[in-house]
C-alpha atoms as a PDB file:
ATOM      1  CA  MET A   1      23.270  25.240 -79.122  1.00  0.00           C
ATOM      2  CA  SER A   2      21.857  22.293 -77.346  1.00  0.00           C
ATOM      3  CA  GLU A   3      23.995  20.477 -74.746  1.00  0.00           C
ATOM      4  CA  ASP A   4      24.071  17.340 -76.966  1.00  0.00           C
ATOM      5  CA  LYS A   5      25.214  19.260 -79.958  1.00  0.00           C
ATOM      6  CA  SER A   6      27.906  21.121 -78.007  1.00  0.00           C
ATOM      7  CA  ALA A   7      29.181  17.745 -76.655  1.00  0.00           C
ATOM      8  CA  GLN A   8      29.298  16.315 -80.257  1.00  0.00           C
ATOM      9  CA  LYS A   9      31.121  19.374 -81.442  1.00  0.00           C
ATOM     10  CA  ALA A  10      33.577  19.101 -78.543  1.00  0.00           C
ATOM     11  CA  GLU A  11      34.197  15.490 -79.225  1.00  0.00           C
ATOM     12  CA  LYS A  12      34.818  16.175 -83.016  1.00  0.00           C
ATOM     13  CA  GLU A  13      37.333  18.941 -82.054  1.00  0.00           C
ATOM     14  CA  LEU A  14      39.081  16.622 -79.553  1.00  0.00           C
ATOM     15  CA  LYS A  15      39.584  13.970 -82.210  1.00  0.00           C
ATOM     16  CA  LYS A  16      41.109  16.635 -84.533  1.00  0.00           C
ATOM     17  CA  ARG A  17      43.464  17.881 -81.784  1.00  0.00           C
ATOM     18  CA  LEU A  18      44.485  14.327 -80.987  1.00  0.00           C
ATOM     19  CA  ARG A  19      45.376  13.653 -84.599  1.00  0.00           C
ATOM     20  CA  GLU A  20      47.437  16.841 -84.612  1.00  0.00           C
ATOM     21  CA  PHE A  21      49.176  15.874 -81.438  1.00  0.00           C
ATOM     22  CA  LYS A  22      50.107  12.424 -82.835  1.00  0.00           C
ATOM     23  CA  LYS A  23      51.589  14.216 -85.896  1.00  0.00           C
ATOM     24  CA  LEU A  24      53.637  16.591 -83.657  1.00  0.00           C
ATOM     25  CA  LEU A  25      54.977  13.684 -81.770  1.00  0.00           C
ATOM     26  CA  LYS A  26      56.776  12.638 -85.025  1.00  0.00           C
ATOM     27  CA  SER A  27      58.723  15.939 -85.563  1.00  0.00           C
ATOM     28  CA  GLU A  28      60.744  17.846 -82.960  1.00  0.00           C
ATOM     29  CA  GLU A  29      60.763  20.864 -85.191  1.00  0.00           C
ATOM     30  CA  GLU A  30      56.980  20.931 -85.668  1.00  0.00           C
ATOM     31  CA  LYS A  31      56.511  20.247 -81.944  1.00  0.00           C
ATOM     32  CA  THR A  32      58.761  23.167 -80.957  1.00  0.00           C
ATOM     33  CA  LYS A  33      56.827  25.445 -83.503  1.00  0.00           C
ATOM     34  CA  PHE A  34      53.561  24.350 -81.976  1.00  0.00           C
ATOM     35  CA  TYR A  35      54.768  25.101 -78.336  1.00  0.00           C
ATOM     36  CA  ASP A  36      55.961  28.592 -79.482  1.00  0.00           C
ATOM     37  CA  GLU A  37      52.375  29.238 -80.800  1.00  0.00           C
ATOM     38  CA  ILE A  38      50.593  28.363 -77.537  1.00  0.00           C
ATOM     39  CA  PRO A  39      49.203  31.657 -76.305  1.00  0.00           C
ATOM     40  CA  GLY A  40      49.407  30.881 -72.537  1.00  0.00           C
ATOM     41  CA  SER A  41      48.778  28.504 -69.786  1.00  0.00           C
ATOM     42  CA  GLU A  42      47.711  28.489 -66.146  1.00  0.00           C
ATOM     43  CA  ILE A  43      48.086  26.210 -63.247  1.00  0.00           C
ATOM     44  CA  LEU A  44      44.910  24.811 -61.893  1.00  0.00           C
ATOM     45  CA  VAL A  45      44.927  22.048 -59.149  1.00  0.00           C
ATOM     46  CA  ARG A  46      41.986  19.928 -58.237  1.00  0.00           C
ATOM     47  CA  MET A  47      41.596  18.710 -54.771  1.00  0.00           C
ATOM     48  CA  ASP A  48      39.024  16.006 -54.157  1.00  0.00           C
ATOM     49  CA  LEU A  49      37.294  16.209 -50.685  1.00  0.00           C
ATOM     50  CA  PHE A  50      35.571  13.075 -49.601  1.00  0.00           C
ATOM     51  CA  LEU A  51      32.799  14.242 -47.355  1.00  0.00           C
ATOM     52  CA  PRO A  52      31.612  12.133 -44.400  1.00  0.00           C
ATOM     53  CA  SER A  53      28.674   9.955 -45.473  1.00  0.00           C
ATOM     54  CA  PRO A  54      26.029   8.538 -43.037  1.00  0.00           C
ATOM     55  CA  SER A  55      25.599   5.648 -45.483  1.00  0.00           C
ATOM     56  CA  PRO A  56      28.811   5.082 -47.349  1.00  0.00           C
ATOM     57  CA  ASP A  57      27.613   1.654 -48.482  1.00  0.00           C
ATOM     58  CA  LYS A  58      24.659   3.496 -50.222  1.00  0.00           C
ATOM     59  CA  PHE A  59      26.209   6.677 -51.522  1.00  0.00           C
ATOM     60  CA  VAL A  60      29.316   8.911 -51.262  1.00  0.00           C
ATOM     61  CA  ASP A  61      29.600  12.538 -52.085  1.00  0.00           C
ATOM     62  CA  GLY A  62      32.219  15.174 -52.193  1.00  0.00           C
ATOM     63  CA  ILE A  63      33.533  18.467 -53.519  1.00  0.00           C
ATOM     64  CA  PHE A  64      36.196  19.011 -56.246  1.00  0.00           C
ATOM     65  CA  LEU A  65      38.044  22.328 -55.256  1.00  0.00           C
ATOM     66  CA  TYR A  66      39.898  23.903 -58.151  1.00  0.00           C
ATOM     67  CA  MET A  67      42.820  26.095 -56.869  1.00  0.00           C
ATOM     68  CA  ASP A  68      45.038  28.494 -58.911  1.00  0.00           C
ATOM     69  CA  GLY A  69      48.713  28.621 -58.685  1.00  0.00           C
ATOM     70  CA  LEU A  70      48.402  30.851 -55.590  1.00  0.00           C
ATOM     71  CA  GLY A  71      46.368  28.403 -53.762  1.00  0.00           C
ATOM     72  CA  LYS A  72      43.089  30.433 -54.017  1.00  0.00           C
ATOM     73  CA  ILE A  73      39.862  28.419 -54.649  1.00  0.00           C
ATOM     74  CA  VAL A  74      38.590  29.619 -57.924  1.00  0.00           C
ATOM     75  CA  ASP A  75      35.808  27.050 -58.700  1.00  0.00           C
ATOM     76  CA  ALA A  76      34.202  24.020 -57.214  1.00  0.00           C
ATOM     77  CA  GLU A  77      32.009  21.089 -58.206  1.00  0.00           C
ATOM     78  CA  TYR A  78      29.792  18.856 -55.979  1.00  0.00           C
ATOM     79  CA  TYR A  79      29.654  15.151 -56.828  1.00  0.00           C
ATOM     80  CA  PHE A  80      27.147  12.498 -55.712  1.00  0.00           C
ATOM     81  CA  LYS A  81      27.829   8.735 -56.399  1.00  0.00           C
ATOM     82  CA  GLU A  82      25.152   6.199 -55.891  1.00  0.00           C
ATOM     83  CA  SER A  83      25.878   2.568 -57.117  1.00  0.00           C
ATOM     84  CA  SER A  84      27.602   3.180 -60.511  1.00  0.00           C
ATOM     85  CA  LYS A  85      25.772   6.485 -61.159  1.00  0.00           C
ATOM     86  CA  VAL A  86      27.695   9.660 -60.635  1.00  0.00           C
ATOM     87  CA  SER A  87      26.270  13.303 -60.921  1.00  0.00           C
ATOM     88  CA  ILE A  88      28.486  16.281 -60.942  1.00  0.00           C
ATOM     89  CA  THR A  89      27.180  19.855 -60.381  1.00  0.00           C
ATOM     90  CA  ARG A  90      29.159  23.102 -60.711  1.00  0.00           C
ATOM     91  CA  LEU A  91      28.627  25.278 -57.671  1.00  0.00           C
ATOM     92  CA  ALA A  92      26.930  28.643 -58.303  1.00  0.00           C
ATOM     93  CA  GLU A  93      28.891  31.732 -57.454  1.00  0.00           C
ATOM     94  CA  LYS A  94      27.166  32.281 -54.083  1.00  0.00           C
ATOM     95  CA  ASP A  95      27.715  28.598 -53.091  1.00  0.00           C
ATOM     96  CA  LEU A  96      31.318  28.808 -54.278  1.00  0.00           C
ATOM     97  CA  LYS A  97      31.777  31.681 -51.739  1.00  0.00           C
ATOM     98  CA  VAL A  98      30.438  29.540 -48.818  1.00  0.00           C
ATOM     99  CA  VAL A  99      32.705  26.589 -49.807  1.00  0.00           C
ATOM    100  CA  SER A 100      35.705  28.847 -50.295  1.00  0.00           C
ATOM    101  CA  ASP A 101      35.086  30.672 -46.958  1.00  0.00           C
ATOM    102  CA  LEU A 102      34.957  27.267 -45.102  1.00  0.00           C
ATOM    103  CA  PHE A 103      37.931  25.589 -46.819  1.00  0.00           C
ATOM    104  CA  GLN A 104      40.306  28.281 -47.923  1.00  0.00           C
ATOM    105  CA  ASP A 105      42.399  28.556 -44.871  1.00  0.00           C
ATOM    106  CA  GLU A 106      42.487  24.677 -44.318  1.00  0.00           C
ATOM    107  CA  PHE A 107      44.664  24.010 -47.568  1.00  0.00           C
ATOM    108  CA  SER A 108      47.845  25.522 -48.864  1.00  0.00           C
ATOM    109  CA  LEU A 109      49.442  25.033 -52.120  1.00  0.00           C
ATOM    110  CA  GLU A 110      53.268  25.338 -52.690  1.00  0.00           C
ATOM    111  CA  ILE A 111      54.500  25.172 -56.232  1.00  0.00           C
ATOM    112  CA  GLU A 112      58.228  25.373 -56.952  1.00  0.00           C
END
């Protein structure tokens, strides 16, 4: 499936879900039933690192670090913003290891 068709399908499904959510807000009983049917959830925290830029007036870049409930970095994305244009790239597994090795011990996560 092409990226465009995939995005269109996701947008269509999102609209269906939002209609469903709006209906659920009208009935406590249906909302509770819906909650009971949720198969699971997980905690994922995103930390935004603003990297030092030699020309912040021209561009900024950074890394989104995604951490699980234990504080382990499980994913990362690099972003580059120039004017009003933003590009975001998911890090490949080998690059994620480099970023994780560099930053893992610098951040802690405490969830109560």
